[in-house]
């Protein structure tokens, strides 16, 4: 009885509160109904139901007017509840693992399976990832000492990859944790390339500078009054400054190519005319090295989309290398043909020498910056170590590619595969 009385009292209070909250609406409605009754002369039988409806509307819960909005929110909440952790994990592109308080895997997405393999529900993360940094990460998160933590982890097999690994708890009181692997391998590779490039460029510039500095010191000292030594040293200094100038020019060329990676459309190049110009410009160098340049060009038009100056630089670099490093063969063959052995539509320009050739292990790296097969021979021939790297960048801009075939003792062939116009 007491509970029933309390309930009735609560209902009465709630009803009174609703009437109070709707007091201004109720007053406005009463005024409107009375005005219509007074001026329109409606019947009292209509007036009484109207007043009753107005009173009922004022007593209804305030939340009833917000039913559409609340229904939308309720539908959205139901939709979110239907999204399980597996679906959310599958939507993450990076490897993701959900594990429990015992460090046992509860779920892993497809990216985690592809990256690590051997992952299944129930497998212990402590046994799967034995690196000390991973053990410390798991211990810190599972012990509750840190809510989340981030480390760098390197996976050695099947190929070396570096990850930025983050781990944190899922919600509150779920006893579940999530670990996400962000692949940093490409960024690390670029950082290493940048550091190697700076170190190599510094070394290449330091060597001639040290040589020039030493000769200047000698000319100001022991060789002050020695005309023959002075002439010899000045010639060497001129050669060294020329080498530095070529190196700087090549560095600037690489920088310009990297700043404009896309080729301006709508331009075409006549390969026959371009390659002829390259051969004519290098004729003095060929004679100096005792090399005969032979031409073997296909008939008909040989036009390709591209930039003439850049393609001239490509063929000039390749033909110059052939004349310098393949001079022992006595001849170089420059050929232009349509298509290639793989049946691709396009035009191929091949520059073949008959010199000592290139060992097979060097071919994959020969287009890297500052990479040399023979350092002493390259410096003797005044090479900067950047020529083939420039060639590779220019061909990338032209949607072309470079292939290299060589056999030790039988020369080397550099083929440029260009798309047809």
Protein backbone atom coordinates (compact mmCIF):
# COMPACT_ATOMS: atom_id res chain seq x y z
CA UNK A 1 0.00 0.00 0.00
CA UNK A 2 2.83 2.34 0.87
CA UNK A 3 4.55 1.60 -2.45
CA UNK A 4 1.30 2.17 -4.33
CA UNK A 5 0.82 5.46 -2.58
CA UNK A 6 4.35 6.49 -3.38
CA UNK A 7 3.85 5.59 -7.05
CA UNK A 8 0.62 7.57 -7.23
CA UNK A 9 2.31 10.51 -5.57
CA UNK A 10 5.20 10.31 -8.04
CA UNK A 11 2.83 10.20 -10.99
CA UNK A 12 0.94 13.19 -9.68
CA UNK A 13 4.18 15.12 -9.28
CA UNK A 14 5.28 14.20 -12.78
CA UNK A 15 1.88 15.27 -14.14
CA UNK A 16 2.07 18.56 -12.27
CA UNK A 17 5.61 19.12 -13.60
CA UNK A 18 4.48 18.52 -17.18
CA UNK A 19 1.59 20.97 -16.76
CA UNK A 20 3.94 23.55 -15.29
CA UNK A 21 6.47 23.11 -18.11
CA UNK A 22 3.67 23.49 -20.64
CA UNK A 23 1.99 26.39 -18.91
CA UNK A 24 2.64 28.96 -21.62
CA UNK A 25 1.52 26.58 -24.35
CA UNK A 26 -1.63 25.84 -22.32
CA UNK A 27 -2.36 29.55 -21.78
CA UNK A 28 -1.86 30.32 -25.49
CA UNK A 29 -4.16 27.46 -26.45
CA UNK A 30 -6.88 28.52 -24.02
CA UNK A 31 -6.79 32.09 -25.32
CA UNK A 32 -7.01 30.85 -28.91
CA UNK A 33 -9.92 28.51 -28.17
CA UNK A 34 -11.85 31.17 -26.20
CA UNK A 35 -11.27 33.72 -28.97
CA UNK A 36 -12.67 31.34 -31.55
CA UNK A 37 -15.65 30.57 -29.24
CA UNK A 38 -16.39 34.23 -28.62
CA UNK A 39 -16.04 35.59 -32.15
CA UNK A 40 -16.97 32.61 -34.30
CA UNK A 41 -19.93 31.53 -32.22
CA UNK A 42 -19.11 27.86 -32.15
CA UNK A 43 -21.08 25.46 -30.03
CA UNK A 44 -20.11 24.58 -26.50
CA UNK A 45 -20.05 20.93 -27.59
CA UNK A 46 -17.04 21.79 -29.80
CA UNK A 47 -15.43 24.00 -27.16
CA UNK A 48 -15.30 21.33 -24.47
CA UNK A 49 -13.52 18.63 -26.61
CA UNK A 50 -11.03 21.25 -27.85
CA UNK A 51 -10.14 22.22 -24.29
CA UNK A 52 -9.82 18.53 -23.34
CA UNK A 53 -7.45 17.87 -26.28
CA UNK A 54 -5.38 20.89 -25.36
CA UNK A 55 -5.08 19.67 -21.78
CA UNK A 56 -4.08 16.16 -22.88
CA UNK A 57 -1.42 17.60 -25.22
CA UNK A 58 0.03 19.66 -22.40
CA UNK A 59 0.18 16.57 -20.12
CA UNK A 60 2.05 14.40 -22.66
CA UNK A 61 5.77 13.73 -21.95
CA UNK A 62 8.05 16.36 -23.44
CA UNK A 63 10.21 13.71 -25.03
CA UNK A 64 7.30 12.62 -27.27
CA UNK A 65 7.90 15.65 -29.50
CA UNK A 66 11.49 14.52 -30.10
CA UNK A 67 10.56 11.01 -31.14
CA UNK A 68 11.82 11.26 -34.79
CA UNK A 69 15.27 12.47 -33.72
CA UNK A 70 15.52 9.89 -30.98
CA UNK A 71 14.43 7.19 -33.41
CA UNK A 72 17.26 8.19 -35.80
CA UNK A 73 19.78 8.10 -32.98
CA UNK A 74 18.47 4.73 -31.83
CA UNK A 75 18.76 3.31 -35.36
CA UNK A 76 22.33 4.65 -35.65
CA UNK A 77 23.24 3.13 -32.28
CA UNK A 78 21.85 -0.24 -33.33
CA UNK A 79 23.87 -0.06 -36.57
CA UNK A 80 27.08 0.67 -34.67
CA UNK A 81 26.43 -2.19 -32.30
CA UNK A 82 26.12 -4.55 -35.23
CA UNK A 83 29.68 -3.63 -36.40
CA UNK A 84 31.82 -6.23 -34.71
CA UNK A 85 35.52 -5.89 -33.99
CA UNK A 86 36.28 -8.23 -36.90
CA UNK A 87 34.66 -5.91 -39.43
CA UNK A 88 36.43 -2.88 -38.01
CA UNK A 89 39.78 -4.70 -38.03
CA UNK A 90 39.25 -5.77 -41.64
CA UNK A 91 38.74 -2.12 -42.61
CA UNK A 92 42.23 -1.21 -41.35
CA UNK A 93 44.88 -1.45 -44.08
CA UNK A 94 47.75 -1.96 -41.63
CA UNK A 95 48.35 -5.26 -39.81
CA UNK A 96 46.15 -5.30 -36.69
CA UNK A 97 45.96 -7.88 -33.89
CA UNK A 98 43.42 -8.01 -31.05
CA UNK A 99 44.61 -9.95 -28.00
CA UNK A 100 43.47 -10.65 -24.43
CA UNK A 101 45.00 -10.18 -20.97
CA UNK A 102 47.02 -13.39 -21.41
CA UNK A 103 48.62 -12.02 -24.62
CA UNK A 104 46.73 -14.64 -26.65
CA UNK A 105 45.48 -13.61 -30.10
CA UNK A 106 41.73 -13.11 -30.27
CA UNK A 107 41.57 -11.83 -33.86
CA UNK A 108 43.97 -10.70 -36.60
CA UNK A 109 43.02 -8.96 -39.84
CA UNK A 110 44.07 -10.08 -43.33
CA UNK A 111 47.00 -7.64 -43.42
CA UNK A 112 48.45 -9.25 -40.28
CA UNK A 113 48.15 -12.73 -41.80
CA UNK A 114 49.89 -11.55 -44.97
CA UNK A 115 52.69 -9.80 -43.08
CA UNK A 116 53.51 -12.36 -40.40
CA UNK A 117 51.79 -15.67 -41.19
CA UNK A 118 51.28 -18.37 -38.57
CA UNK A 119 48.78 -16.19 -36.74
CA UNK A 120 45.62 -17.80 -35.40
CA UNK A 121 43.27 -17.26 -32.45
CA UNK A 122 44.83 -18.62 -29.28
CA UNK A 123 48.45 -18.19 -30.39
CA UNK A 124 50.57 -16.38 -27.80
CA UNK A 125 52.01 -13.05 -28.95
CA UNK A 126 54.90 -13.52 -26.54
CA UNK A 127 55.90 -16.65 -28.46
CA UNK A 128 55.18 -15.18 -31.90
CA UNK A 129 57.21 -12.00 -31.38
CA UNK A 130 60.25 -12.82 -29.25
CA UNK A 131 62.15 -9.55 -29.77
CA UNK A 132 62.92 -7.82 -26.43
CA UNK A 133 61.22 -4.61 -27.52
CA UNK A 134 57.99 -6.48 -28.30
CA UNK A 135 58.11 -8.28 -24.95
CA UNK A 136 58.55 -4.94 -23.17
CA UNK A 137 55.62 -3.47 -25.12
CA UNK A 138 53.33 -6.34 -24.16
CA UNK A 139 54.42 -6.28 -20.51
CA UNK A 140 53.84 -2.54 -20.24
CA UNK A 141 50.34 -2.59 -21.74
CA UNK A 142 49.13 -5.77 -20.02
CA UNK A 143 50.38 -4.66 -16.60
CA UNK A 144 48.42 -1.43 -16.88
CA UNK A 145 51.50 0.69 -16.25
CA UNK A 146 50.88 2.52 -19.53
CA UNK A 147 47.57 2.96 -21.34
CA UNK A 148 49.31 2.82 -24.74
CA UNK A 149 52.87 2.55 -25.99
CA UNK A 150 54.78 2.81 -29.30
CA UNK A 151 58.01 1.07 -30.34
CA UNK A 152 60.03 0.33 -33.50
CA UNK A 153 60.21 -3.33 -34.47
CA UNK A 154 62.11 -5.01 -37.33
CA UNK A 155 60.89 -8.27 -38.85
CA UNK A 156 63.85 -10.12 -40.38
CA UNK A 157 62.16 -12.89 -42.39
CA UNK A 158 61.21 -13.53 -45.14
CA UNK A 159 62.44 -10.00 -45.98
CA UNK A 160 63.54 -7.28 -43.61
CA UNK A 161 60.75 -4.83 -42.80
CA UNK A 162 60.57 -2.15 -40.12
CA UNK A 163 57.32 -1.34 -38.29
CA UNK A 164 56.16 1.34 -35.89
CA UNK A 165 54.11 -0.75 -33.44
CA UNK A 166 51.47 0.74 -31.14
CA UNK A 167 49.51 -1.14 -28.48
CA UNK A 168 46.67 0.00 -26.24
CA UNK A 169 43.67 -1.30 -24.33
CA UNK A 170 40.24 -1.50 -25.98
CA UNK A 171 37.67 0.46 -23.99
CA UNK A 172 37.33 0.03 -20.22
CA UNK A 173 37.03 -3.29 -18.48
CA UNK A 174 36.98 -5.36 -21.69
CA UNK A 175 40.27 -7.18 -20.98
CA UNK A 176 41.02 -6.79 -24.70
CA UNK A 177 43.97 -4.99 -26.31
CA UNK A 178 44.86 -3.98 -29.84
CA UNK A 179 48.25 -3.87 -31.56
CA UNK A 180 48.74 -2.03 -34.87
CA UNK A 181 51.83 -2.33 -37.14
CA UNK A 182 52.63 0.70 -39.32
CA UNK A 183 55.11 -0.22 -42.07
CA UNK A 184 58.07 2.18 -42.05
CA UNK A 185 60.30 0.21 -44.44
CA UNK A 186 59.96 2.56 -47.41
CA UNK A 187 60.52 5.66 -45.27
CA UNK A 188 63.62 4.09 -43.72
CA UNK A 189 64.92 3.11 -47.17
CA UNK A 190 64.49 6.67 -48.41
CA UNK A 191 66.24 8.02 -45.30
CA UNK A 192 69.17 5.66 -45.92
CA UNK A 193 69.33 6.67 -49.57
CA UNK A 194 69.35 10.35 -48.59
CA UNK A 195 72.10 9.80 -46.04
CA UNK A 196 74.15 7.75 -48.52
CA UNK A 197 73.66 10.36 -51.20
CA UNK A 198 74.87 13.17 -48.95
CA UNK A 199 77.86 11.11 -47.81
CA UNK A 200 78.79 10.16 -51.39
CA UNK A 201 78.36 13.68 -52.74
CA UNK A 202 80.46 15.09 -49.89
CA UNK A 203 83.17 12.51 -50.57
CA UNK A 204 83.19 13.17 -54.32
CA UNK A 205 83.59 16.92 -53.73
CA UNK A 206 86.08 16.57 -50.87
CA UNK A 207 88.57 14.54 -52.93
CA UNK A 208 89.24 17.17 -55.64
CA UNK A 209 89.12 19.97 -53.08
CA UNK A 210 91.78 18.25 -50.98
CA UNK A 211 93.89 17.75 -54.13
CA UNK A 212 93.57 21.40 -55.14
CA UNK A 213 94.36 22.56 -51.60
CA UNK A 214 97.52 20.43 -51.54
CA UNK A 215 98.75 21.69 -54.90
CA UNK A 216 98.14 25.32 -53.89
CA UNK A 217 100.18 24.75 -50.74
CA UNK A 218 102.99 23.18 -52.83
CA UNK A 219 102.94 26.01 -55.37
CA UNK A 220 103.22 28.57 -52.59
CA UNK A 221 106.10 26.61 -51.02
CA UNK A 222 108.62 24.20 -52.57
CA UNK A 223 107.41 24.66 -56.17
CA UNK A 224 107.25 28.46 -56.03
CA UNK A 225 110.12 28.88 -58.49
CA UNK A 226 109.70 25.64 -60.47
CA UNK A 227 107.96 26.44 -63.81
CA UNK A 228 107.64 22.80 -64.87
CA UNK A 229 106.05 21.72 -61.59
CA UNK A 230 103.81 24.78 -61.60
CA UNK A 231 102.50 23.96 -65.08
CA UNK A 232 101.91 20.31 -64.12
CA UNK A 233 100.09 21.21 -60.91
CA UNK A 234 97.95 23.85 -62.58
CA UNK A 235 96.87 21.32 -65.19
CA UNK A 236 95.87 18.85 -62.48
CA UNK A 237 93.99 21.58 -60.61
CA UNK A 238 92.14 22.49 -63.79
CA UNK A 239 91.14 18.85 -64.27
CA UNK A 240 89.92 18.62 -60.68
CA UNK A 241 87.86 21.81 -60.93
CA UNK A 242 86.37 20.49 -64.19
CA UNK A 243 85.43 17.29 -62.39
CA UNK A 244 83.71 19.25 -59.62
CA UNK A 245 81.86 21.35 -62.20
CA UNK A 246 80.61 18.19 -63.95
CA UNK A 247 79.53 16.71 -60.64
CA UNK A 248 77.60 19.85 -59.68
CA UNK A 249 75.97 19.99 -63.12
CA UNK A 250 74.85 16.37 -62.76
CA UNK A 251 73.50 17.03 -59.26
CA UNK A 252 71.53 20.01 -60.58
CA UNK A 253 70.19 17.87 -63.45
CA UNK A 254 68.96 15.24 -60.98
CA UNK A 255 67.35 17.91 -58.84
CA UNK A 256 65.52 19.42 -61.82
CA UNK A 257 64.29 16.00 -62.94
CA UNK A 258 62.95 15.18 -59.48
CA UNK A 259 61.14 18.54 -59.29
CA UNK A 260 59.26 17.88 -62.57
CA UNK A 261 58.54 14.15 -62.65
CA UNK A 262 55.85 14.40 -65.34
CA UNK A 263 56.53 15.04 -69.01
CA UNK A 264 54.81 17.91 -70.76
CA UNK A 265 52.31 16.30 -73.19
CA UNK A 266 51.96 17.07 -76.88
CA UNK A 267 55.62 17.08 -77.95
CA UNK A 268 57.26 14.57 -80.30
CA UNK A 269 60.89 13.76 -81.03
CA UNK A 270 62.43 12.41 -84.24
CA UNK A 271 64.73 9.70 -82.88
CA UNK A 272 66.64 9.36 -86.15
CA UNK A 273 67.63 13.03 -86.11
CA UNK A 274 68.32 13.05 -82.37
CA UNK A 275 70.56 9.98 -82.37
CA UNK A 276 72.38 11.24 -85.49
CA UNK A 277 73.13 14.48 -83.65
CA UNK A 278 74.47 12.54 -80.65
CA UNK A 279 76.74 10.41 -82.84
CA UNK A 280 78.08 13.48 -84.66
CA UNK A 281 78.75 15.34 -81.40
CA UNK A 282 80.73 12.42 -79.96
CA UNK A 283 82.70 11.63 -83.11
CA UNK A 284 85.85 13.43 -81.79
CA UNK A 285 85.70 11.40 -78.54
CA UNK A 286 85.31 8.18 -80.52
CA UNK A 287 88.35 9.00 -82.67
CA UNK A 288 90.36 9.90 -79.58
CA UNK A 289 89.57 6.47 -78.07
CA UNK A 290 90.08 4.60 -81.34
CA UNK A 291 86.41 3.59 -81.61
CA UNK A 292 84.33 3.39 -84.79
CA UNK A 293 80.61 4.16 -84.37
CA UNK A 294 78.30 2.14 -86.65
CA UNK A 295 74.66 3.01 -87.29
CA UNK A 296 71.79 0.59 -87.97
CA UNK A 297 68.51 2.51 -88.16
CA UNK A 298 65.11 1.18 -89.21
CA UNK A 299 63.42 2.71 -92.27
CA UNK A 300 60.52 5.12 -92.09
CA UNK A 301 59.56 7.69 -89.46
CA UNK A 302 60.90 7.12 -85.95
CA UNK A 303 58.92 9.58 -83.85
CA UNK A 304 58.21 9.20 -80.12
CA UNK A 305 56.54 11.49 -77.56
CA UNK A 306 59.15 13.21 -75.43
CA UNK A 307 61.54 16.06 -74.78
CA UNK A 308 64.35 16.28 -77.34
CA UNK A 309 66.96 17.80 -75.01
CA UNK A 310 66.38 15.16 -72.35
CA UNK A 311 66.48 12.25 -74.81
CA UNK A 312 69.63 13.74 -76.35
CA UNK A 313 71.15 13.66 -72.86
CA UNK A 314 70.15 9.99 -72.45
CA UNK A 315 71.76 8.82 -75.71
CA UNK A 316 74.77 11.07 -75.26
CA UNK A 317 75.43 9.57 -71.84
CA UNK A 318 75.06 5.97 -73.05
CA UNK A 319 77.16 6.47 -76.18
CA UNK A 320 79.86 8.34 -74.26
CA UNK A 321 80.07 5.46 -71.75
CA UNK A 322 80.32 2.96 -74.62
CA UNK A 323 83.18 4.90 -76.24
CA UNK A 324 85.06 5.26 -72.94
CA UNK A 325 84.58 1.92 -71.24
CA UNK A 326 84.21 -0.25 -74.36
CA UNK A 327 87.10 1.24 -76.33
CA UNK A 328 89.04 -2.03 -76.23
CA UNK A 329 86.41 -3.52 -78.58
CA UNK A 330 87.22 -0.95 -81.26
CA UNK A 331 83.63 -0.31 -82.31
CA UNK A 332 80.19 0.66 -81.05
CA UNK A 333 76.92 -0.16 -82.80
CA UNK A 334 73.96 2.22 -82.45
CA UNK A 335 70.70 0.68 -83.67
CA UNK A 336 67.07 1.83 -83.80
CA UNK A 337 64.31 -0.74 -84.31
CA UNK A 338 60.54 -0.93 -83.95
CA UNK A 339 59.09 -3.15 -81.21
CA UNK A 340 61.18 -5.63 -79.25
CA UNK A 341 61.44 -9.30 -78.42
CA UNK A 342 58.52 -9.06 -75.99
CA UNK A 343 56.18 -7.76 -78.68
CA UNK A 344 55.69 -4.32 -77.12
CA UNK A 345 54.60 -1.50 -79.41
CA UNK A 346 57.28 1.17 -79.47
CA UNK A 347 60.80 1.94 -80.61
CA UNK A 348 64.04 0.55 -79.18
CA UNK A 349 67.38 2.32 -79.27
CA UNK A 350 70.32 0.01 -78.45
CA UNK A 351 73.92 1.07 -77.91
CA UNK A 352 76.28 -1.91 -77.92
CA UNK A 353 80.00 -2.00 -77.27
CA UNK A 354 82.43 -4.90 -77.53
CA UNK A 355 84.63 -4.09 -74.56
CA UNK A 356 85.26 -5.96 -71.30
CA UNK A 357 81.57 -6.12 -70.35
CA UNK A 358 79.92 -5.76 -66.94
CA UNK A 359 79.87 -8.57 -64.33
CA UNK A 360 76.33 -9.80 -63.74
CA UNK A 361 76.27 -8.91 -60.03
CA UNK A 362 76.76 -5.21 -60.83
CA UNK A 363 73.94 -4.85 -63.39
CA UNK A 364 70.99 -4.45 -60.91
CA UNK A 365 72.77 -1.58 -59.13
CA UNK A 366 74.47 0.17 -62.02
CA UNK A 367 71.83 2.95 -62.21
CA UNK A 368 72.20 3.86 -58.52
CA UNK A 369 73.72 7.23 -57.71
CA UNK A 370 77.51 7.14 -57.39
CA UNK A 371 77.61 3.38 -58.00
CA UNK A 372 80.64 2.36 -60.03
CA UNK A 373 81.76 -1.02 -61.35
CA UNK A 374 85.40 0.13 -61.29
CA UNK A 375 86.03 3.26 -59.22
CA UNK A 376 89.53 3.96 -60.54
CA UNK A 377 88.54 3.44 -64.17
CA UNK A 378 85.50 5.71 -63.73
CA UNK A 379 87.58 8.52 -62.26
CA UNK A 380 90.22 8.11 -64.96
CA UNK A 381 87.46 8.56 -67.55
CA UNK A 382 86.21 11.65 -65.68
CA UNK A 383 82.95 10.01 -64.67
CA UNK A 384 80.79 11.43 -61.88
CA UNK A 385 78.86 8.24 -61.07
CA UNK A 386 75.54 10.01 -61.75
CA UNK A 387 75.11 9.57 -65.51
CA UNK A 388 73.06 6.38 -65.50
CA UNK A 389 70.98 7.63 -62.60
CA UNK A 390 70.08 10.69 -64.71
CA UNK A 391 69.27 8.36 -67.62
CA UNK A 392 66.91 6.34 -65.41
CA UNK A 393 65.09 9.47 -64.17
CA UNK A 394 64.62 10.85 -67.69
CA UNK A 395 63.28 7.54 -69.01
CA UNK A 396 60.86 7.33 -66.09
CA UNK A 397 59.51 10.74 -67.11
CA UNK A 398 59.04 9.40 -70.65
CA UNK A 399 57.26 6.23 -69.50
CA UNK A 400 60.22 4.34 -70.95
CA UNK A 401 62.66 1.83 -69.50
CA UNK A 402 66.29 0.81 -69.72
CA UNK A 403 67.45 -2.78 -70.05
CA UNK A 404 71.07 -3.90 -69.79
CA UNK A 405 72.56 -7.10 -71.17
CA UNK A 406 76.22 -7.93 -70.75
CA UNK A 407 78.64 -10.80 -70.74
CA UNK A 408 82.14 -10.45 -69.36
CA UNK A 409 84.65 -10.24 -72.21
CA UNK A 410 81.97 -9.74 -74.88
CA UNK A 411 80.78 -6.19 -74.23
CA UNK A 412 77.53 -4.67 -73.04
CA UNK A 413 74.26 -3.55 -74.67
CA UNK A 414 72.11 -0.74 -73.23
CA UNK A 415 68.61 -0.69 -74.73
CA UNK A 416 66.13 2.14 -74.32
CA UNK A 417 62.49 1.06 -74.84
CA UNK A 418 60.33 4.08 -75.78
CA UNK A 419 56.55 4.05 -76.36
CA UNK A 420 55.48 4.91 -79.91
CA UNK A 421 53.87 8.24 -80.71
